[in-house]
Amino acid sequence: MMKINCRVTGCYQVVQVIHKHNHSLCNPSKTHLFRSHRNLSSVQAAEADMARSVGITPKTTIDFMSKQVGGRENLGFISQDYKNYVCSKCTKEMKAGDTGGILEYLQKK
């Protein structure tokens, strides 16, 4: 643990350091779930766009992508990240008053 203060001058100063770690670290097999470690790559985004354009369900798309990389832990994102990507993309493409069918697409299983 480290305690850092910001001085009036705008400089930072370390005021306390405790070297003993007081909680267990995360198992490396779970680090892919951290938000800071999740990212939908440009290649995966292109595959997601193609799958959506031909009507493949989100679950099927994620299953296919995870098989390509050897499992969900190697995918680099979780299903909610995929849904957020698709939803934000559709929101950008929508015109006023248009629903774009996004809710129906995301609810397919």
PDB file of N, CA and C in Angstrom:
ATOM      1  N   MET A   1       0.837  -1.172   0.000  1.00  0.00           N
ATOM      2  CA  MET A   1       0.000   0.000   0.000  1.00  0.00           C
ATOM      3  C   MET A   1       0.881   1.233   0.000  1.00  0.00           C
ATOM      4  N   MET A   2       0.424   2.248  -0.705  1.00  0.00           N
ATOM      5  CA  MET A   2       1.134   3.518  -0.756  1.00  0.00           C
ATOM      6  C   MET A   2       0.147   4.651  -0.530  1.00  0.00           C
ATOM      7  N   LYS A   3       0.566   5.626   0.234  1.00  0.00           N
ATOM      8  CA  LYS A   3      -0.247   6.817   0.433  1.00  0.00           C
ATOM      9  C   LYS A   3       0.508   7.975  -0.200  1.00  0.00           C
ATOM     10  N   ILE A   4      -0.176   8.705  -1.090  1.00  0.00           N
ATOM     11  CA  ILE A   4       0.450   9.805  -1.818  1.00  0.00           C
ATOM     12  C   ILE A   4      -0.385  11.060  -1.611  1.00  0.00           C
ATOM     13  N   ASN A   5       0.257  12.157  -1.329  1.00  0.00           N
ATOM     14  CA  ASN A   5      -0.419  13.443  -1.182  1.00  0.00           C
ATOM     15  C   ASN A   5      -0.021  14.379  -2.308  1.00  0.00           C
ATOM     16  N   CYS A   6      -0.956  15.221  -2.681  1.00  0.00           N
ATOM     17  CA  CYS A   6      -0.668  16.263  -3.674  1.00  0.00           C
ATOM     18  C   CYS A   6      -0.430  17.567  -2.919  1.00  0.00           C
ATOM     19  N   ARG A   7       0.705  18.157  -3.147  1.00  0.00           N
ATOM     20  CA  ARG A   7       1.063  19.399  -2.478  1.00  0.00           C
ATOM     21  C   ARG A   7       0.417  20.591  -3.191  1.00  0.00           C
ATOM     22  N   VAL A   8       0.407  21.723  -2.538  1.00  0.00           N
ATOM     23  CA  VAL A   8      -0.148  22.953  -3.099  1.00  0.00           C
ATOM     24  C   VAL A   8       0.576  23.331  -4.389  1.00  0.00           C
ATOM     25  N   THR A   9       1.839  22.989  -4.470  1.00  0.00           N
ATOM     26  CA  THR A   9       2.650  23.313  -5.649  1.00  0.00           C
ATOM     27  C   THR A   9       2.296  22.443  -6.852  1.00  0.00           C
ATOM     28  N   GLY A  10       1.463  21.419  -6.637  1.00  0.00           N
ATOM     29  CA  GLY A  10       1.102  20.517  -7.731  1.00  0.00           C
ATOM     30  C   GLY A  10       1.985  19.286  -7.799  1.00  0.00           C
ATOM     31  N   CYS A  11       2.981  19.217  -6.940  1.00  0.00           N
ATOM     32  CA  CYS A  11       3.861  18.051  -6.898  1.00  0.00           C
ATOM     33  C   CYS A  11       3.258  16.984  -5.992  1.00  0.00           C
ATOM     34  N   TYR A  12       3.569  15.749  -6.266  1.00  0.00           N
ATOM     35  CA  TYR A  12       3.100  14.635  -5.456  1.00  0.00           C
ATOM     36  C   TYR A  12       4.215  14.169  -4.529  1.00  0.00           C
ATOM     37  N   GLN A  13       3.829  13.701  -3.336  1.00  0.00           N
ATOM     38  CA  GLN A  13       4.810  13.217  -2.385  1.00  0.00           C
ATOM     39  C   GLN A  13       4.299  11.918  -1.776  1.00  0.00           C
ATOM     40  N   VAL A  14       5.172  10.902  -1.767  1.00  0.00           N
ATOM     41  CA  VAL A  14       4.842   9.638  -1.117  1.00  0.00           C
ATOM     42  C   VAL A  14       5.016   9.844   0.373  1.00  0.00           C
ATOM     43  N   VAL A  15       3.929   9.640   1.149  1.00  0.00           N
ATOM     44  CA  VAL A  15       4.004   9.887   2.587  1.00  0.00           C
ATOM     45  C   VAL A  15       4.020   8.612   3.405  1.00  0.00           C
ATOM     46  N   GLN A  16       3.598   7.493   2.798  1.00  0.00           N
ATOM     47  CA  GLN A  16       3.598   6.231   3.542  1.00  0.00           C
ATOM     48  C   GLN A  16       3.683   5.066   2.557  1.00  0.00           C
ATOM     49  N   VAL A  17       4.503   4.075   2.903  1.00  0.00           N
ATOM     50  CA  VAL A  17       4.626   2.855   2.120  1.00  0.00           C
ATOM     51  C   VAL A  17       4.563   1.676   3.076  1.00  0.00           C
ATOM     52  N   ILE A  18       3.663   0.735   2.807  1.00  0.00           N
ATOM     53  CA  ILE A  18       3.580  -0.497   3.589  1.00  0.00           C
ATOM     54  C   ILE A  18       3.885  -1.640   2.629  1.00  0.00           C
ATOM     55  N   HIS A  19       5.007  -2.308   2.852  1.00  0.00           N
ATOM     56  CA  HIS A  19       5.470  -3.330   1.929  1.00  0.00           C
ATOM     57  C   HIS A  19       4.686  -4.636   2.021  1.00  0.00           C
ATOM     58  N   LYS A  20       4.108  -4.914   3.176  1.00  0.00           N
ATOM     59  CA  LYS A  20       3.359  -6.158   3.325  1.00  0.00           C
ATOM     60  C   LYS A  20       2.013  -6.025   2.601  1.00  0.00           C
ATOM     61  N   HIS A  21       1.741  -6.955   1.712  1.00  0.00           N
ATOM     62  CA  HIS A  21       0.474  -6.938   0.981  1.00  0.00           C
ATOM     63  C   HIS A  21      -0.597  -7.537   1.874  1.00  0.00           C
ATOM     64  N   ASN A  22      -1.708  -6.829   2.082  1.00  0.00           N
ATOM     65  CA  ASN A  22      -2.687  -7.275   3.054  1.00  0.00           C
ATOM     66  C   ASN A  22      -3.893  -8.023   2.454  1.00  0.00           C
ATOM     67  N   HIS A  23      -3.836  -8.371   1.183  1.00  0.00           N
ATOM     68  CA  HIS A  23      -4.889  -9.202   0.596  1.00  0.00           C
ATOM     69  C   HIS A  23      -4.265 -10.104  -0.465  1.00  0.00           C
ATOM     70  N   SER A  24      -4.955 -11.187  -0.747  1.00  0.00           N
ATOM     71  CA  SER A  24      -4.399 -12.130  -1.723  1.00  0.00           C
ATOM     72  C   SER A  24      -4.504 -11.550  -3.125  1.00  0.00           C
ATOM     73  N   LEU A  25      -3.531 -11.876  -3.930  1.00  0.00           N
ATOM     74  CA  LEU A  25      -3.537 -11.417  -5.309  1.00  0.00           C
ATOM     75  C   LEU A  25      -4.493 -12.268  -6.132  1.00  0.00           C
ATOM     76  N   CYS A  26      -4.896 -11.739  -7.246  1.00  0.00           N
ATOM     77  CA  CYS A  26      -5.819 -12.457  -8.127  1.00  0.00           C
ATOM     78  C   CYS A  26      -5.090 -13.609  -8.824  1.00  0.00           C
ATOM     79  N   ASN A  27      -5.795 -14.698  -8.974  1.00  0.00           N
ATOM     80  CA  ASN A  27      -5.281 -15.830  -9.713  1.00  0.00           C
ATOM     81  C   ASN A  27      -5.081 -15.402 -11.171  1.00  0.00           C
ATOM     82  N   PRO A  28      -3.937 -15.673 -11.782  1.00  0.00           N
ATOM     83  CA  PRO A  28      -3.696 -15.246 -13.166  1.00  0.00           C
ATOM     84  C   PRO A  28      -4.747 -15.736 -14.166  1.00  0.00           C
ATOM     85  N   SER A  29      -5.416 -16.824 -13.853  1.00  0.00           N
ATOM     86  CA  SER A  29      -6.438 -17.317 -14.777  1.00  0.00           C
ATOM     87  C   SER A  29      -7.692 -16.445 -14.774  1.00  0.00           C
ATOM     88  N   LYS A  30      -7.782 -15.505 -13.836  1.00  0.00           N
ATOM     89  CA  LYS A  30      -8.952 -14.622 -13.742  1.00  0.00           C
ATOM     90  C   LYS A  30      -8.666 -13.186 -14.188  1.00  0.00           C
ATOM     91  N   THR A  31      -7.426 -12.870 -14.526  1.00  0.00           N
ATOM     92  CA  THR A  31      -7.095 -11.488 -14.873  1.00  0.00           C
ATOM     93  C   THR A  31      -7.797 -11.020 -16.145  1.00  0.00           C
ATOM     94  N   HIS A  32      -8.194 -11.935 -17.017  1.00  0.00           N
ATOM     95  CA  HIS A  32      -8.887 -11.526 -18.243  1.00  0.00           C
ATOM     96  C   HIS A  32     -10.247 -10.904 -17.951  1.00  0.00           C
ATOM     97  N   LEU A  33     -10.736 -11.035 -16.717  1.00  0.00           N
ATOM     98  CA  LEU A  33     -12.024 -10.465 -16.345  1.00  0.00           C
ATOM     99  C   LEU A  33     -11.912  -9.018 -15.859  1.00  0.00           C
ATOM    100  N   PHE A  34     -10.707  -8.544 -15.564  1.00  0.00           N
ATOM    101  CA  PHE A  34     -10.530  -7.163 -15.126  1.00  0.00           C
ATOM    102  C   PHE A  34     -10.859  -6.214 -16.271  1.00  0.00           C
ATOM    103  N   ARG A  35     -11.556  -5.152 -15.965  1.00  0.00           N
ATOM    104  CA  ARG A  35     -11.929  -4.176 -16.990  1.00  0.00           C
ATOM    105  C   ARG A  35     -10.696  -3.624 -17.701  1.00  0.00           C
ATOM    106  N   SER A  36      -9.629  -3.418 -16.963  1.00  0.00           N
ATOM    107  CA  SER A  36      -8.405  -2.863 -17.556  1.00  0.00           C
ATOM    108  C   SER A  36      -7.743  -3.825 -18.534  1.00  0.00           C
ATOM    109  N   HIS A  37      -8.071  -5.109 -18.463  1.00  0.00           N
ATOM    110  CA  HIS A  37      -7.477  -6.110 -19.340  1.00  0.00           C
ATOM    111  C   HIS A  37      -8.380  -6.486 -20.513  1.00  0.00           C
ATOM    112  N   ARG A  38      -9.600  -5.945 -20.545  1.00  0.00           N
ATOM    113  CA  ARG A  38     -10.560  -6.320 -21.590  1.00  0.00           C
ATOM    114  C   ARG A  38     -10.540  -5.315 -22.720  1.00  0.00           C
ATOM    115  N   ASN A  39     -10.548  -5.829 -23.949  1.00  0.00           N
ATOM    116  CA  ASN A  39     -10.542  -4.961 -25.117  1.00  0.00           C
ATOM    117  C   ASN A  39     -11.051  -5.732 -26.319  1.00  0.00           C
ATOM    118  N   LEU A  40     -11.934  -5.139 -27.080  1.00  0.00           N
ATOM    119  CA  LEU A  40     -12.411  -5.712 -28.327  1.00  0.00           C
ATOM    120  C   LEU A  40     -11.481  -5.194 -29.416  1.00  0.00           C
ATOM    121  N   SER A  41     -10.660  -6.066 -30.004  1.00  0.00           N
ATOM    122  CA  SER A  41      -9.694  -5.626 -31.013  1.00  0.00           C
ATOM    123  C   SER A  41     -10.406  -5.208 -32.295  1.00  0.00           C
ATOM    124  N   SER A  42      -9.699  -4.547 -33.165  1.00  0.00           N
ATOM    125  CA  SER A  42     -10.297  -4.089 -34.430  1.00  0.00           C
ATOM    126  C   SER A  42     -10.720  -5.277 -35.296  1.00  0.00           C
ATOM    127  N   VAL A  43      -9.967  -6.370 -35.250  1.00  0.00           N
ATOM    128  CA  VAL A  43     -10.329  -7.571 -36.000  1.00  0.00           C
ATOM    129  C   VAL A  43     -11.602  -8.183 -35.431  1.00  0.00           C
ATOM    130  N   GLN A  44     -11.685  -8.249 -34.103  1.00  0.00           N
ATOM    131  CA  GLN A  44     -12.883  -8.790 -33.462  1.00  0.00           C
ATOM    132  C   GLN A  44     -14.085  -7.886 -33.725  1.00  0.00           C
ATOM    133  N   ALA A  45     -13.876  -6.584 -33.741  1.00  0.00           N
ATOM    134  CA  ALA A  45     -14.966  -5.657 -34.037  1.00  0.00           C
ATOM    135  C   ALA A  45     -15.470  -5.858 -35.459  1.00  0.00           C
ATOM    136  N   ALA A  46     -14.559  -6.077 -36.401  1.00  0.00           N
ATOM    137  CA  ALA A  46     -14.963  -6.323 -37.789  1.00  0.00           C
ATOM    138  C   ALA A  46     -15.752  -7.627 -37.896  1.00  0.00           C
ATOM    139  N   GLU A  47     -15.311  -8.665 -37.175  1.00  0.00           N
ATOM    140  CA  GLU A  47     -16.055  -9.931 -37.171  1.00  0.00           C
ATOM    141  C   GLU A  47     -17.431  -9.749 -36.552  1.00  0.00           C
ATOM    142  N   ALA A  48     -17.514  -8.962 -35.493  1.00  0.00           N
ATOM    143  CA  ALA A  48     -18.799  -8.691 -34.842  1.00  0.00           C
ATOM    144  C   ALA A  48     -19.742  -7.965 -35.789  1.00  0.00           C
ATOM    145  N   ASP A  49     -19.206  -7.002 -36.534  1.00  0.00           N
ATOM    146  CA  ASP A  49     -20.029  -6.263 -37.499  1.00  0.00           C
ATOM    147  C   ASP A  49     -20.541  -7.179 -38.602  1.00  0.00           C
ATOM    148  N   MET A  50     -19.671  -8.059 -39.106  1.00  0.00           N
ATOM    149  CA  MET A  50     -20.096  -8.996 -40.156  1.00  0.00           C
ATOM    150  C   MET A  50     -21.150  -9.958 -39.642  1.00  0.00           C
ATOM    151  N   ALA A  51     -20.942 -10.486 -38.445  1.00  0.00           N
ATOM    152  CA  ALA A  51     -21.894 -11.435 -37.869  1.00  0.00           C
ATOM    153  C   ALA A  51     -23.255 -10.774 -37.674  1.00  0.00           C
ATOM    154  N   ARG A  52     -23.249  -9.554 -37.176  1.00  0.00           N
ATOM    155  CA  ARG A  52     -24.505  -8.843 -36.959  1.00  0.00           C
ATOM    156  C   ARG A  52     -25.205  -8.548 -38.275  1.00  0.00           C
ATOM    157  N   SER A  53     -24.442  -8.202 -39.308  1.00  0.00           N
ATOM    158  CA  SER A  53     -25.052  -7.847 -40.601  1.00  0.00           C
ATOM    159  C   SER A  53     -25.732  -9.035 -41.269  1.00  0.00           C
ATOM    160  N   VAL A  54     -25.283 -10.259 -40.965  1.00  0.00           N
ATOM    161  CA  VAL A  54     -25.929 -11.435 -41.560  1.00  0.00           C
ATOM    162  C   VAL A  54     -26.905 -12.109 -40.600  1.00  0.00           C
ATOM    163  N   GLY A  55     -27.084 -11.520 -39.400  1.00  0.00           N
ATOM    164  CA  GLY A  55     -28.102 -12.013 -38.479  1.00  0.00           C
ATOM    165  C   GLY A  55     -27.671 -13.107 -37.528  1.00  0.00           C
ATOM    166  N   ILE A  56     -26.373 -13.289 -37.341  1.00  0.00           N
ATOM    167  CA  ILE A  56     -25.898 -14.288 -36.374  1.00  0.00           C
ATOM    168  C   ILE A  56     -26.089 -13.725 -34.974  1.00  0.00           C
ATOM    169  N   THR A  57     -26.606 -14.535 -34.064  1.00  0.00           N
ATOM    170  CA  THR A  57     -26.902 -14.072 -32.713  1.00  0.00           C
ATOM    171  C   THR A  57     -25.624 -13.733 -31.955  1.00  0.00           C
ATOM    172  N   PRO A  58     -25.717 -12.846 -30.966  1.00  0.00           N
ATOM    173  CA  PRO A  58     -24.537 -12.488 -30.169  1.00  0.00           C
ATOM    174  C   PRO A  58     -23.890 -13.700 -29.490  1.00  0.00           C
ATOM    175  N   LYS A  59     -24.700 -14.589 -28.929  1.00  0.00           N
ATOM    176  CA  LYS A  59     -24.153 -15.768 -28.252  1.00  0.00           C
ATOM    177  C   LYS A  59     -23.367 -16.647 -29.214  1.00  0.00           C
ATOM    178  N   THR A  60     -23.924 -16.885 -30.393  1.00  0.00           N
ATOM    179  CA  THR A  60     -23.243 -17.703 -31.395  1.00  0.00           C
ATOM    180  C   THR A  60     -21.948 -17.034 -31.848  1.00  0.00           C
ATOM    181  N   THR A  61     -21.991 -15.728 -32.020  1.00  0.00           N
ATOM    182  CA  THR A  61     -20.794 -14.986 -32.441  1.00  0.00           C
ATOM    183  C   THR A  61     -19.688 -15.095 -31.397  1.00  0.00           C
ATOM    184  N   ILE A  62     -20.042 -14.908 -30.133  1.00  0.00           N
ATOM    185  CA  ILE A  62     -19.039 -14.989 -29.057  1.00  0.00           C
ATOM    186  C   ILE A  62     -18.502 -16.412 -28.938  1.00  0.00           C
ATOM    187  N   ASP A  63     -19.369 -17.409 -29.052  1.00  0.00           N
ATOM    188  CA  ASP A  63     -18.916 -18.806 -29.011  1.00  0.00           C
ATOM    189  C   ASP A  63     -17.929 -19.094 -30.137  1.00  0.00           C
ATOM    190  N   PHE A  64     -18.238 -18.614 -31.330  1.00  0.00           N
ATOM    191  CA  PHE A  64     -17.359 -18.825 -32.477  1.00  0.00           C
ATOM    192  C   PHE A  64     -16.009 -18.133 -32.269  1.00  0.00           C
ATOM    193  N   MET A  65     -16.054 -16.874 -31.827  1.00  0.00           N
ATOM    194  CA  MET A  65     -14.804 -16.134 -31.608  1.00  0.00           C
ATOM    195  C   MET A  65     -13.945 -16.788 -30.532  1.00  0.00           C
ATOM    196  N   SER A  66     -14.592 -17.299 -29.476  1.00  0.00           N
ATOM    197  CA  SER A  66     -13.818 -17.923 -28.403  1.00  0.00           C
ATOM    198  C   SER A  66     -13.186 -19.236 -28.862  1.00  0.00           C
ATOM    199  N   LYS A  67     -13.850 -19.957 -29.749  1.00  0.00           N
ATOM    200  CA  LYS A  67     -13.252 -21.189 -30.290  1.00  0.00           C
ATOM    201  C   LYS A  67     -12.047 -20.868 -31.167  1.00  0.00           C
ATOM    202  N   GLN A  68     -12.089 -19.753 -31.858  1.00  0.00           N
ATOM    203  CA  GLN A  68     -10.970 -19.355 -32.707  1.00  0.00           C
ATOM    204  C   GLN A  68      -9.697 -19.108 -31.901  1.00  0.00           C
ATOM    205  N   VAL A  69      -9.853 -18.591 -30.687  1.00  0.00           N
ATOM    206  CA  VAL A  69      -8.686 -18.225 -29.883  1.00  0.00           C
ATOM    207  C   VAL A  69      -8.382 -19.216 -28.769  1.00  0.00           C
ATOM    208  N   GLY A  70      -9.119 -20.313 -28.702  1.00  0.00           N
ATOM    209  CA  GLY A  70      -8.819 -21.349 -27.719  1.00  0.00           C
ATOM    210  C   GLY A  70      -9.493 -21.185 -26.376  1.00  0.00           C
ATOM    211  N   GLY A  71     -10.611 -20.511 -26.324  1.00  0.00           N
ATOM    212  CA  GLY A  71     -11.362 -20.380 -25.076  1.00  0.00           C
ATOM    213  C   GLY A  71     -11.697 -18.943 -24.733  1.00  0.00           C
ATOM    214  N   ARG A  72     -12.725 -18.790 -23.905  1.00  0.00           N
ATOM    215  CA  ARG A  72     -13.171 -17.445 -23.524  1.00  0.00           C
ATOM    216  C   ARG A  72     -12.104 -16.662 -22.770  1.00  0.00           C
ATOM    217  N   GLU A  73     -11.246 -17.359 -22.029  1.00  0.00           N
ATOM    218  CA  GLU A  73     -10.207 -16.650 -21.280  1.00  0.00           C
ATOM    219  C   GLU A  73      -9.179 -16.006 -22.203  1.00  0.00           C
ATOM    220  N   ASN A  74      -9.099 -16.459 -23.454  1.00  0.00           N
ATOM    221  CA  ASN A  74      -8.163 -15.881 -24.428  1.00  0.00           C
ATOM    222  C   ASN A  74      -8.836 -14.877 -25.354  1.00  0.00           C
ATOM    223  N   LEU A  75     -10.126 -14.673 -25.180  1.00  0.00           N
ATOM    224  CA  LEU A  75     -10.900 -13.825 -26.076  1.00  0.00           C
ATOM    225  C   LEU A  75     -10.532 -12.350 -25.933  1.00  0.00           C
ATOM    226  N   GLY A  76     -10.294 -11.905 -24.711  1.00  0.00           N
ATOM    227  CA  GLY A  76      -9.923 -10.508 -24.501  1.00  0.00           C
ATOM    228  C   GLY A  76     -11.082  -9.618 -24.104  1.00  0.00           C
ATOM    229  N   PHE A  77     -12.304 -10.153 -24.094  1.00  0.00           N
ATOM    230  CA  PHE A  77     -13.473  -9.397 -23.667  1.00  0.00           C
ATOM    231  C   PHE A  77     -14.524 -10.366 -23.173  1.00  0.00           C
ATOM    232  N   ILE A  78     -15.551  -9.820 -22.508  1.00  0.00           N
ATOM    233  CA  ILE A  78     -16.668 -10.645 -22.043  1.00  0.00           C
ATOM    234  C   ILE A  78     -17.904 -10.299 -22.868  1.00  0.00           C
ATOM    235  N   SER A  79     -18.953 -11.082 -22.707  1.00  0.00           N
ATOM    236  CA  SER A  79     -20.148 -10.892 -23.533  1.00  0.00           C
ATOM    237  C   SER A  79     -20.751  -9.503 -23.355  1.00  0.00           C
ATOM    238  N   GLN A  80     -20.666  -8.929 -22.170  1.00  0.00           N
ATOM    239  CA  GLN A  80     -21.210  -7.578 -21.960  1.00  0.00           C
ATOM    240  C   GLN A  80     -20.435  -6.541 -22.762  1.00  0.00           C
ATOM    241  N   ASP A  81     -19.122  -6.720 -22.914  1.00  0.00           N
ATOM    242  CA  ASP A  81     -18.324  -5.816 -23.743  1.00  0.00           C
ATOM    243  C   ASP A  81     -18.783  -5.887 -25.195  1.00  0.00           C
ATOM    244  N   TYR A  82     -19.078  -7.095 -25.663  1.00  0.00           N
ATOM    245  CA  TYR A  82     -19.567  -7.293 -27.030  1.00  0.00           C
ATOM    246  C   TYR A  82     -20.897  -6.570 -27.210  1.00  0.00           C
ATOM    247  N   LYS A  83     -21.815  -6.773 -26.257  1.00  0.00           N
ATOM    248  CA  LYS A  83     -23.130  -6.141 -26.351  1.00  0.00           C
ATOM    249  C   LYS A  83     -23.014  -4.619 -26.299  1.00  0.00           C
ATOM    250  N   ASN A  84     -22.124  -4.114 -25.460  1.00  0.00           N
ATOM    251  CA  ASN A  84     -21.900  -2.666 -25.398  1.00  0.00           C
ATOM    252  C   ASN A  84     -21.373  -2.133 -26.720  1.00  0.00           C
ATOM    253  N   TYR A  85     -20.469  -2.876 -27.351  1.00  0.00           N
ATOM    254  CA  TYR A  85     -19.924  -2.459 -28.645  1.00  0.00           C
ATOM    255  C   TYR A  85     -21.027  -2.395 -29.690  1.00  0.00           C
ATOM    256  N   VAL A  86     -21.826  -3.450 -29.777  1.00  0.00           N
ATOM    257  CA  VAL A  86     -22.897  -3.496 -30.776  1.00  0.00           C
ATOM    258  C   VAL A  86     -23.913  -2.385 -30.526  1.00  0.00           C
ATOM    259  N   CYS A  87     -24.262  -2.188 -29.258  1.00  0.00           N
ATOM    260  CA  CYS A  87     -25.245  -1.163 -28.904  1.00  0.00           C
ATOM    261  C   CYS A  87     -24.734   0.236 -29.245  1.00  0.00           C
ATOM    262  N   SER A  88     -23.478   0.526 -28.930  1.00  0.00           N
ATOM    263  CA  SER A  88     -22.936   1.853 -29.222  1.00  0.00           C
ATOM    264  C   SER A  88     -22.820   2.074 -30.724  1.00  0.00           C
ATOM    265  N   LYS A  89     -22.474   1.027 -31.462  1.00  0.00           N
ATOM    266  CA  LYS A  89     -22.384   1.131 -32.914  1.00  0.00           C
ATOM    267  C   LYS A  89     -23.758   1.427 -33.510  1.00  0.00           C
ATOM    268  N   CYS A  90     -24.770   0.721 -33.024  1.00  0.00           N
ATOM    269  CA  CYS A  90     -26.129   0.936 -33.520  1.00  0.00           C
ATOM    270  C   CYS A  90     -26.636   2.321 -33.147  1.00  0.00           C
ATOM    271  N   THR A  91     -26.284   2.794 -31.976  1.00  0.00           N
ATOM    272  CA  THR A  91     -26.709   4.121 -31.537  1.00  0.00           C
ATOM    273  C   THR A  91     -26.147   5.190 -32.467  1.00  0.00           C
ATOM    274  N   LYS A  92     -24.900   5.024 -32.882  1.00  0.00           N
ATOM    275  CA  LYS A  92     -24.285   5.984 -33.804  1.00  0.00           C
ATOM    276  C   LYS A  92     -24.961   5.960 -35.171  1.00  0.00           C
ATOM    277  N   GLU A  93     -25.447   4.778 -35.588  1.00  0.00           N
ATOM    278  CA  GLU A  93     -26.050   4.630 -36.906  1.00  0.00           C
ATOM    279  C   GLU A  93     -27.526   5.038 -36.948  1.00  0.00           C
ATOM    280  N   MET A  94     -28.166   5.130 -35.779  1.00  0.00           N
ATOM    281  CA  MET A  94     -29.598   5.417 -35.728  1.00  0.00           C
ATOM    282  C   MET A  94     -29.921   6.845 -36.129  1.00  0.00           C
ATOM    283  N   LYS A  95     -31.080   6.977 -36.728  1.00  0.00           N
ATOM    284  CA  LYS A  95     -31.632   8.289 -37.040  1.00  0.00           C
ATOM    285  C   LYS A  95     -32.696   8.577 -35.995  1.00  0.00           C
ATOM    286  N   ALA A  96     -33.139   9.798 -35.919  1.00  0.00           N
ATOM    287  CA  ALA A  96     -34.160  10.181 -34.937  1.00  0.00           C
ATOM    288  C   ALA A  96     -35.411   9.337 -35.131  1.00  0.00           C
ATOM    289  N   GLY A  97     -35.888   8.715 -34.052  1.00  0.00           N
ATOM    290  CA  GLY A  97     -37.106   7.915 -34.095  1.00  0.00           C
ATOM    291  C   GLY A  97     -36.896   6.488 -34.561  1.00  0.00           C
ATOM    292  N   ASP A  98     -35.691   6.116 -34.911  1.00  0.00           N
ATOM    293  CA  ASP A  98     -35.397   4.777 -35.415  1.00  0.00           C
ATOM    294  C   ASP A  98     -34.921   3.901 -34.263  1.00  0.00           C
ATOM    295  N   THR A  99     -35.479   2.703 -34.130  1.00  0.00           N
ATOM    296  CA  THR A  99     -35.020   1.794 -33.077  1.00  0.00           C
ATOM    297  C   THR A  99     -33.898   0.907 -33.580  1.00  0.00           C
ATOM    298  N   GLY A 100     -33.813   0.708 -34.854  1.00  0.00           N
ATOM    299  CA  GLY A 100     -32.722  -0.062 -35.432  1.00  0.00           C
ATOM    300  C   GLY A 100     -32.759  -1.547 -35.124  1.00  0.00           C
ATOM    301  N   GLY A 101     -33.738  -2.016 -34.381  1.00  0.00           N
ATOM    302  CA  GLY A 101     -33.852  -3.432 -34.066  1.00  0.00           C
ATOM    303  C   GLY A 101     -32.778  -3.943 -33.119  1.00  0.00           C
ATOM    304  N   ILE A 102     -32.077  -3.054 -32.445  1.00  0.00           N
ATOM    305  CA  ILE A 102     -30.963  -3.474 -31.596  1.00  0.00           C
ATOM    306  C   ILE A 102     -31.430  -4.296 -30.405  1.00  0.00           C
ATOM    307  N   LEU A 103     -32.563  -3.921 -29.811  1.00  0.00           N
ATOM    308  CA  LEU A 103     -33.032  -4.673 -28.646  1.00  0.00           C
ATOM    309  C   LEU A 103     -33.377  -6.102 -29.030  1.00  0.00           C
ATOM    310  N   GLU A 104     -34.010  -6.276 -30.172  1.00  0.00           N
ATOM    311  CA  GLU A 104     -34.347  -7.625 -30.624  1.00  0.00           C
ATOM    312  C   GLU A 104     -33.088  -8.443 -30.887  1.00  0.00           C
ATOM    313  N   TYR A 105     -32.082  -7.825 -31.477  1.00  0.00           N
ATOM    314  CA  TYR A 105     -30.835  -8.518 -31.782  1.00  0.00           C
ATOM    315  C   TYR A 105     -30.115  -8.951 -30.514  1.00  0.00           C
ATOM    316  N   LEU A 106     -30.014  -8.051 -29.541  1.00  0.00           N
ATOM    317  CA  LEU A 106     -29.287  -8.357 -28.315  1.00  0.00           C
ATOM    318  C   LEU A 106     -30.011  -9.361 -27.436  1.00  0.00           C
ATOM    319  N   GLN A 107     -31.322  -9.494 -27.590  1.00  0.00           N
ATOM    320  CA  GLN A 107     -32.077 -10.428 -26.773  1.00  0.00           C
ATOM    321  C   GLN A 107     -32.104 -11.823 -27.370  1.00  0.00           C
ATOM    322  N   LYS A 108     -31.607 -12.016 -28.594  1.00  0.00           N
ATOM    323  CA  LYS A 108     -31.567 -13.345 -29.195  1.00  0.00           C
ATOM    324  C   LYS A 108     -30.603 -14.217 -28.421  1.00  0.00           C
ATOM    325  N   LYS A 109     -30.986 -15.490 -28.262  1.00  0.00           N
ATOM    326  CA  LYS A 109     -30.116 -16.407 -27.531  1.00  0.00           C
ATOM    327  C   LYS A 109     -29.785 -17.601 -28.381  1.00  0.00           C
TER     328      LYS A 109
END
